[in-house]
Amino acid sequence: MIAAYIDEFIMFCAGLWMTAVGFGYLSFPTPGQGAQNAWLGNLVNHFRWMGPLLLVIAIILAIASPA
């Protein structure tokens, strides 16, 4: 039971971080130039929707988990 709460807390924190990086509140370090940098930039753009989705999932799981 406590493991479920820890898992939901980790998901919530990851969602906050992804949302902050996706919307530019936190910077995401990208190494050098090239194809990998473009790939990481594309991934960070997806954080704009993946972060809030992860937050919603964590909140729903916290509400639905048995007390």
PDB file of N, CA and C in Angstrom:
ATOM      1  N   MET A   1       0.814  -1.182   0.000  1.00  0.00           N
ATOM      2  CA  MET A   1       0.000   0.000   0.000  1.00  0.00           C
ATOM      3  C   MET A   1       0.867   1.259   0.000  1.00  0.00           C
ATOM      4  N   ILE A   2       1.866   1.300   0.835  1.00  0.00           N
ATOM      5  CA  ILE A   2       2.743   2.471   0.863  1.00  0.00           C
ATOM      6  C   ILE A   2       3.533   2.575  -0.436  1.00  0.00           C
ATOM      7  N   ALA A   3       3.817   1.438  -1.066  1.00  0.00           N
ATOM      8  CA  ALA A   3       4.542   1.458  -2.336  1.00  0.00           C
ATOM      9  C   ALA A   3       3.722   2.134  -3.427  1.00  0.00           C
ATOM     10  N   ALA A   4       2.410   1.965  -3.387  1.00  0.00           N
ATOM     11  CA  ALA A   4       1.549   2.616  -4.378  1.00  0.00           C
ATOM     12  C   ALA A   4       1.601   4.131  -4.215  1.00  0.00           C
ATOM     13  N   TYR A   5       1.595   4.609  -2.978  1.00  0.00           N
ATOM     14  CA  TYR A   5       1.673   6.047  -2.745  1.00  0.00           C
ATOM     15  C   TYR A   5       3.023   6.606  -3.182  1.00  0.00           C
ATOM     16  N   ILE A   6       4.082   5.853  -2.950  1.00  0.00           N
ATOM     17  CA  ILE A   6       5.412   6.285  -3.384  1.00  0.00           C
ATOM     18  C   ILE A   6       5.463   6.355  -4.907  1.00  0.00           C
ATOM     19  N   ASP A   7       4.894   5.354  -5.574  1.00  0.00           N
ATOM     20  CA  ASP A   7       4.860   5.331  -7.033  1.00  0.00           C
ATOM     21  C   ASP A   7       4.073   6.522  -7.584  1.00  0.00           C
ATOM     22  N   GLU A   8       2.937   6.821  -6.970  1.00  0.00           N
ATOM     23  CA  GLU A   8       2.130   7.953  -7.422  1.00  0.00           C
ATOM     24  C   GLU A   8       2.854   9.275  -7.178  1.00  0.00           C
ATOM     25  N   PHE A   9       3.570   9.380  -6.072  1.00  0.00           N
ATOM     26  CA  PHE A   9       4.331  10.594  -5.784  1.00  0.00           C
ATOM     27  C   PHE A   9       5.442  10.791  -6.814  1.00  0.00           C
ATOM     28  N   ILE A  10       6.121   9.711  -7.174  1.00  0.00           N
ATOM     29  CA  ILE A  10       7.178   9.794  -8.186  1.00  0.00           C
ATOM     30  C   ILE A  10       6.587  10.191  -9.533  1.00  0.00           C
ATOM     31  N   MET A  11       5.433   9.604  -9.889  1.00  0.00           N
ATOM     32  CA  MET A  11       4.769   9.970 -11.138  1.00  0.00           C
ATOM     33  C   MET A  11       4.373  11.443 -11.138  1.00  0.00           C
ATOM     34  N   PHE A  12       3.872  11.932 -10.013  1.00  0.00           N
ATOM     35  CA  PHE A  12       3.459  13.328  -9.909  1.00  0.00           C
ATOM     36  C   PHE A  12       4.660  14.262 -10.076  1.00  0.00           C
ATOM     37  N   CYS A  13       5.763  13.937  -9.416  1.00  0.00           N
ATOM     38  CA  CYS A  13       6.976  14.767  -9.530  1.00  0.00           C
ATOM     39  C   CYS A  13       7.527  14.743 -10.955  1.00  0.00           C
ATOM     40  N   ALA A  14       7.514  13.574 -11.591  1.00  0.00           N
ATOM     41  CA  ALA A  14       7.980  13.483 -12.977  1.00  0.00           C
ATOM     42  C   ALA A  14       7.075  14.285 -13.902  1.00  0.00           C
ATOM     43  N   GLY A  15       5.778  14.261 -13.647  1.00  0.00           N
ATOM     44  CA  GLY A  15       4.851  15.056 -14.445  1.00  0.00           C
ATOM     45  C   GLY A  15       5.093  16.543 -14.287  1.00  0.00           C
ATOM     46  N   LEU A  16       5.367  16.975 -13.055  1.00  0.00           N
ATOM     47  CA  LEU A  16       5.690  18.389 -12.832  1.00  0.00           C
ATOM     48  C   LEU A  16       6.957  18.785 -13.580  1.00  0.00           C
ATOM     49  N   TRP A  17       7.983  17.932 -13.508  1.00  0.00           N
ATOM     50  CA  TRP A  17       9.244  18.227 -14.183  1.00  0.00           C
ATOM     51  C   TRP A  17       9.051  18.268 -15.701  1.00  0.00           C
ATOM     52  N   MET A  18       8.333  17.280 -16.249  1.00  0.00           N
ATOM     53  CA  MET A  18       8.115  17.244 -17.696  1.00  0.00           C
ATOM     54  C   MET A  18       7.327  18.465 -18.167  1.00  0.00           C
ATOM     55  N   THR A  19       6.327  18.868 -17.394  1.00  0.00           N
ATOM     56  CA  THR A  19       5.538  20.043 -17.753  1.00  0.00           C
ATOM     57  C   THR A  19       6.400  21.299 -17.720  1.00  0.00           C
ATOM     58  N   ALA A  20       7.212  21.442 -16.686  1.00  0.00           N
ATOM     59  CA  ALA A  20       8.071  22.622 -16.566  1.00  0.00           C
ATOM     60  C   ALA A  20       9.096  22.684 -17.695  1.00  0.00           C
ATOM     61  N   VAL A  21       9.672  21.560 -18.061  1.00  0.00           N
ATOM     62  CA  VAL A  21      10.643  21.537 -19.160  1.00  0.00           C
ATOM     63  C   VAL A  21       9.939  21.790 -20.491  1.00  0.00           C
ATOM     64  N   GLY A  22       8.783  21.171 -20.687  1.00  0.00           N
ATOM     65  CA  GLY A  22       8.064  21.328 -21.949  1.00  0.00           C
ATOM     66  C   GLY A  22       7.648  22.757 -22.229  1.00  0.00           C
ATOM     67  N   PHE A  23       7.253  23.485 -21.194  1.00  0.00           N
ATOM     68  CA  PHE A  23       6.818  24.865 -21.382  1.00  0.00           C
ATOM     69  C   PHE A  23       7.938  25.877 -21.167  1.00  0.00           C
ATOM     70  N   GLY A  24       9.155  25.405 -20.921  1.00  0.00           N
ATOM     71  CA  GLY A  24      10.316  26.280 -20.865  1.00  0.00           C
ATOM     72  C   GLY A  24      10.593  26.924 -19.523  1.00  0.00           C
ATOM     73  N   TYR A  25       9.935  26.485 -18.459  1.00  0.00           N
ATOM     74  CA  TYR A  25      10.222  27.041 -17.133  1.00  0.00           C
ATOM     75  C   TYR A  25      11.552  26.521 -16.593  1.00  0.00           C
ATOM     76  N   LEU A  26      11.924  25.315 -16.976  1.00  0.00           N
ATOM     77  CA  LEU A  26      13.230  24.739 -16.647  1.00  0.00           C
ATOM     78  C   LEU A  26      13.947  24.438 -17.950  1.00  0.00           C
ATOM     79  N   SER A  27      15.260  24.590 -17.950  1.00  0.00           N
ATOM     80  CA  SER A  27      16.014  24.292 -19.167  1.00  0.00           C
ATOM     81  C   SER A  27      16.405  22.821 -19.189  1.00  0.00           C
ATOM     82  N   PHE A  28      16.486  22.293 -20.391  1.00  0.00           N
ATOM     83  CA  PHE A  28      16.900  20.913 -20.595  1.00  0.00           C
ATOM     84  C   PHE A  28      18.239  20.949 -21.306  1.00  0.00           C
ATOM     85  N   PRO A  29      19.314  20.481 -20.666  1.00  0.00           N
ATOM     86  CA  PRO A  29      20.639  20.565 -21.297  1.00  0.00           C
ATOM     87  C   PRO A  29      20.740  19.647 -22.514  1.00  0.00           C
ATOM     88  N   THR A  30      21.152  20.211 -23.632  1.00  0.00           N
ATOM     89  CA  THR A  30      21.328  19.426 -24.849  1.00  0.00           C
ATOM     90  C   THR A  30      22.803  19.432 -25.229  1.00  0.00           C
ATOM     91  N   PRO A  31      23.380  18.265 -25.467  1.00  0.00           N
ATOM     92  CA  PRO A  31      24.809  18.187 -25.790  1.00  0.00           C
ATOM     93  C   PRO A  31      25.086  18.522 -27.255  1.00  0.00           C
ATOM     94  N   GLY A  32      25.901  19.527 -27.492  1.00  0.00           N
ATOM     95  CA  GLY A  32      26.412  19.826 -28.828  1.00  0.00           C
ATOM     96  C   GLY A  32      25.349  20.059 -29.893  1.00  0.00           C
ATOM     97  N   GLN A  33      25.765  19.921 -31.141  1.00  0.00           N
ATOM     98  CA  GLN A  33      24.884  20.082 -32.294  1.00  0.00           C
ATOM     99  C   GLN A  33      24.764  18.742 -33.002  1.00  0.00           C
ATOM    100  N   GLY A  34      23.809  18.637 -33.890  1.00  0.00           N
ATOM    101  CA  GLY A  34      23.695  17.433 -34.693  1.00  0.00           C
ATOM    102  C   GLY A  34      22.337  16.781 -34.568  1.00  0.00           C
ATOM    103  N   ALA A  35      22.294  15.531 -35.021  1.00  0.00           N
ATOM    104  CA  ALA A  35      21.023  14.803 -35.076  1.00  0.00           C
ATOM    105  C   ALA A  35      20.474  14.524 -33.683  1.00  0.00           C
ATOM    106  N   GLN A  36      21.342  14.242 -32.733  1.00  0.00           N
ATOM    107  CA  GLN A  36      20.869  13.953 -31.380  1.00  0.00           C
ATOM    108  C   GLN A  36      20.225  15.187 -30.757  1.00  0.00           C
ATOM    109  N   ASN A  37      20.766  16.356 -31.026  1.00  0.00           N
ATOM    110  CA  ASN A  37      20.207  17.588 -30.490  1.00  0.00           C
ATOM    111  C   ASN A  37      18.808  17.828 -31.054  1.00  0.00           C
ATOM    112  N   ALA A  38      18.603  17.570 -32.344  1.00  0.00           N
ATOM    113  CA  ALA A  38      17.280  17.728 -32.953  1.00  0.00           C
ATOM    114  C   ALA A  38      16.302  16.724 -32.356  1.00  0.00           C
ATOM    115  N   TRP A  39      16.754  15.507 -32.126  1.00  0.00           N
ATOM    116  CA  TRP A  39      15.899  14.478 -31.532  1.00  0.00           C
ATOM    117  C   TRP A  39      15.472  14.875 -30.124  1.00  0.00           C
ATOM    118  N   LEU A  40      16.401  15.394 -29.331  1.00  0.00           N
ATOM    119  CA  LEU A  40      16.071  15.829 -27.973  1.00  0.00           C
ATOM    120  C   LEU A  40      15.132  17.028 -27.988  1.00  0.00           C
ATOM    121  N   GLY A  41      15.310  17.933 -28.931  1.00  0.00           N
ATOM    122  CA  GLY A  41      14.401  19.065 -29.051  1.00  0.00           C
ATOM    123  C   GLY A  41      12.989  18.621 -29.373  1.00  0.00           C
ATOM    124  N   ASN A  42      12.872  17.625 -30.231  1.00  0.00           N
ATOM    125  CA  ASN A  42      11.559  17.073 -30.563  1.00  0.00           C
ATOM    126  C   ASN A  42      10.944  16.388 -29.350  1.00  0.00           C
ATOM    127  N   LEU A  43      11.746  15.684 -28.588  1.00  0.00           N
ATOM    128  CA  LEU A  43      11.252  15.012 -27.384  1.00  0.00           C
ATOM    129  C   LEU A  43      10.759  16.024 -26.360  1.00  0.00           C
ATOM    130  N   VAL A  44      11.495  17.107 -26.180  1.00  0.00           N
ATOM    131  CA  VAL A  44      11.104  18.136 -25.217  1.00  0.00           C
ATOM    132  C   VAL A  44       9.787  18.787 -25.639  1.00  0.00           C
ATOM    133  N   ASN A  45       9.548  18.930 -26.941  1.00  0.00           N
ATOM    134  CA  ASN A  45       8.266  19.465 -27.394  1.00  0.00           C
ATOM    135  C   ASN A  45       7.109  18.551 -27.007  1.00  0.00           C
ATOM    136  N   HIS A  46       7.333  17.261 -26.984  1.00  0.00           N
ATOM    137  CA  HIS A  46       6.286  16.319 -26.574  1.00  0.00           C
ATOM    138  C   HIS A  46       6.017  16.388 -25.075  1.00  0.00           C
ATOM    139  N   PHE A  47       6.962  16.908 -24.308  1.00  0.00           N
ATOM    140  CA  PHE A  47       6.754  17.046 -22.861  1.00  0.00           C
ATOM    141  C   PHE A  47       5.590  17.979 -22.550  1.00  0.00           C
ATOM    142  N   ARG A  48       5.212  18.840 -23.490  1.00  0.00           N
ATOM    143  CA  ARG A  48       4.101  19.772 -23.256  1.00  0.00           C
ATOM    144  C   ARG A  48       2.786  19.044 -23.031  1.00  0.00           C
ATOM    145  N   TRP A  49       2.595  17.910 -23.677  1.00  0.00           N
ATOM    146  CA  TRP A  49       1.359  17.157 -23.450  1.00  0.00           C
ATOM    147  C   TRP A  49       1.588  15.936 -22.569  1.00  0.00           C
ATOM    148  N   MET A  50       2.797  15.391 -22.581  1.00  0.00           N
ATOM    149  CA  MET A  50       3.062  14.202 -21.770  1.00  0.00           C
ATOM    150  C   MET A  50       3.109  14.525 -20.280  1.00  0.00           C
ATOM    151  N   GLY A  51       3.636  15.690 -19.913  1.00  0.00           N
ATOM    152  CA  GLY A  51       3.717  16.080 -18.508  1.00  0.00           C
ATOM    153  C   GLY A  51       2.354  16.234 -17.857  1.00  0.00           C
ATOM    154  N   PRO A  52       1.451  17.045 -18.445  1.00  0.00           N
ATOM    155  CA  PRO A  52       0.113  17.154 -17.852  1.00  0.00           C
ATOM    156  C   PRO A  52      -0.648  15.834 -17.839  1.00  0.00           C
ATOM    157  N   LEU A  53      -0.448  15.005 -18.866  1.00  0.00           N
ATOM    158  CA  LEU A  53      -1.111  13.700 -18.882  1.00  0.00           C
ATOM    159  C   LEU A  53      -0.623  12.837 -17.725  1.00  0.00           C
ATOM    160  N   LEU A  54       0.663  12.852 -17.458  1.00  0.00           N
ATOM    161  CA  LEU A  54       1.212  12.087 -16.342  1.00  0.00           C
ATOM    162  C   LEU A  54       0.699  12.615 -15.009  1.00  0.00           C
ATOM    163  N   LEU A  55       0.537  13.927 -14.891  1.00  0.00           N
ATOM    164  CA  LEU A  55      -0.043  14.508 -13.674  1.00  0.00           C
ATOM    165  C   LEU A  55      -1.469  14.018 -13.462  1.00  0.00           C
ATOM    166  N   VAL A  56      -2.266  14.021 -14.516  1.00  0.00           N
ATOM    167  CA  VAL A  56      -3.660  13.570 -14.409  1.00  0.00           C
ATOM    168  C   VAL A  56      -3.720  12.100 -14.021  1.00  0.00           C
ATOM    169  N   ILE A  57      -2.881  11.275 -14.624  1.00  0.00           N
ATOM    170  CA  ILE A  57      -2.864   9.846 -14.297  1.00  0.00           C
ATOM    171  C   ILE A  57      -2.475   9.639 -12.837  1.00  0.00           C
ATOM    172  N   ALA A  58      -1.472  10.362 -12.358  1.00  0.00           N
ATOM    173  CA  ALA A  58      -1.044  10.217 -10.962  1.00  0.00           C
ATOM    174  C   ALA A  58      -2.152  10.637 -10.006  1.00  0.00           C
ATOM    175  N   ILE A  59      -2.864  11.709 -10.328  1.00  0.00           N
ATOM    176  CA  ILE A  59      -3.951  12.169  -9.454  1.00  0.00           C
ATOM    177  C   ILE A  59      -5.101  11.176  -9.452  1.00  0.00           C
ATOM    178  N   ILE A  60      -5.457  10.652 -10.621  1.00  0.00           N
ATOM    179  CA  ILE A  60      -6.540   9.663 -10.692  1.00  0.00           C
ATOM    180  C   ILE A  60      -6.173   8.413  -9.910  1.00  0.00           C
ATOM    181  N   LEU A  61      -4.939   7.951 -10.040  1.00  0.00           N
ATOM    182  CA  LEU A  61      -4.520   6.763  -9.289  1.00  0.00           C
ATOM    183  C   LEU A  61      -4.506   7.024  -7.788  1.00  0.00           C
ATOM    184  N   ALA A  62      -4.142   8.229  -7.381  1.00  0.00           N
ATOM    185  CA  ALA A  62      -4.141   8.557  -5.947  1.00  0.00           C
ATOM    186  C   ALA A  62      -5.559   8.573  -5.397  1.00  0.00           C
ATOM    187  N   ILE A  63      -6.499   9.077  -6.180  1.00  0.00           N
ATOM    188  CA  ILE A  63      -7.891   9.108  -5.727  1.00  0.00           C
ATOM    189  C   ILE A  63      -8.490   7.707  -5.710  1.00  0.00           C
ATOM    190  N   ALA A  64      -8.165   6.899  -6.716  1.00  0.00           N
ATOM    191  CA  ALA A  64      -8.767   5.575  -6.845  1.00  0.00           C
ATOM    192  C   ALA A  64      -8.123   4.523  -5.950  1.00  0.00           C
ATOM    193  N   SER A  65      -6.949   4.793  -5.415  1.00  0.00           N
ATOM    194  CA  SER A  65      -6.278   3.779  -4.596  1.00  0.00           C
ATOM    195  C   SER A  65      -7.021   3.581  -3.280  1.00  0.00           C
ATOM    196  N   PRO A  66      -7.089   2.350  -2.816  1.00  0.00           N
ATOM    197  CA  PRO A  66      -7.813   2.082  -1.562  1.00  0.00           C
ATOM    198  C   PRO A  66      -7.108   2.714  -0.364  1.00  0.00           C
ATOM    199  N   ALA A  67      -7.888   3.196   0.542  1.00  0.00           N
ATOM    200  CA  ALA A  67      -7.330   3.873   1.730  1.00  0.00           C
ATOM    201  C   ALA A  67      -6.989   2.902   2.830  1.00  0.00           C
TER     202      ALA A  67
END
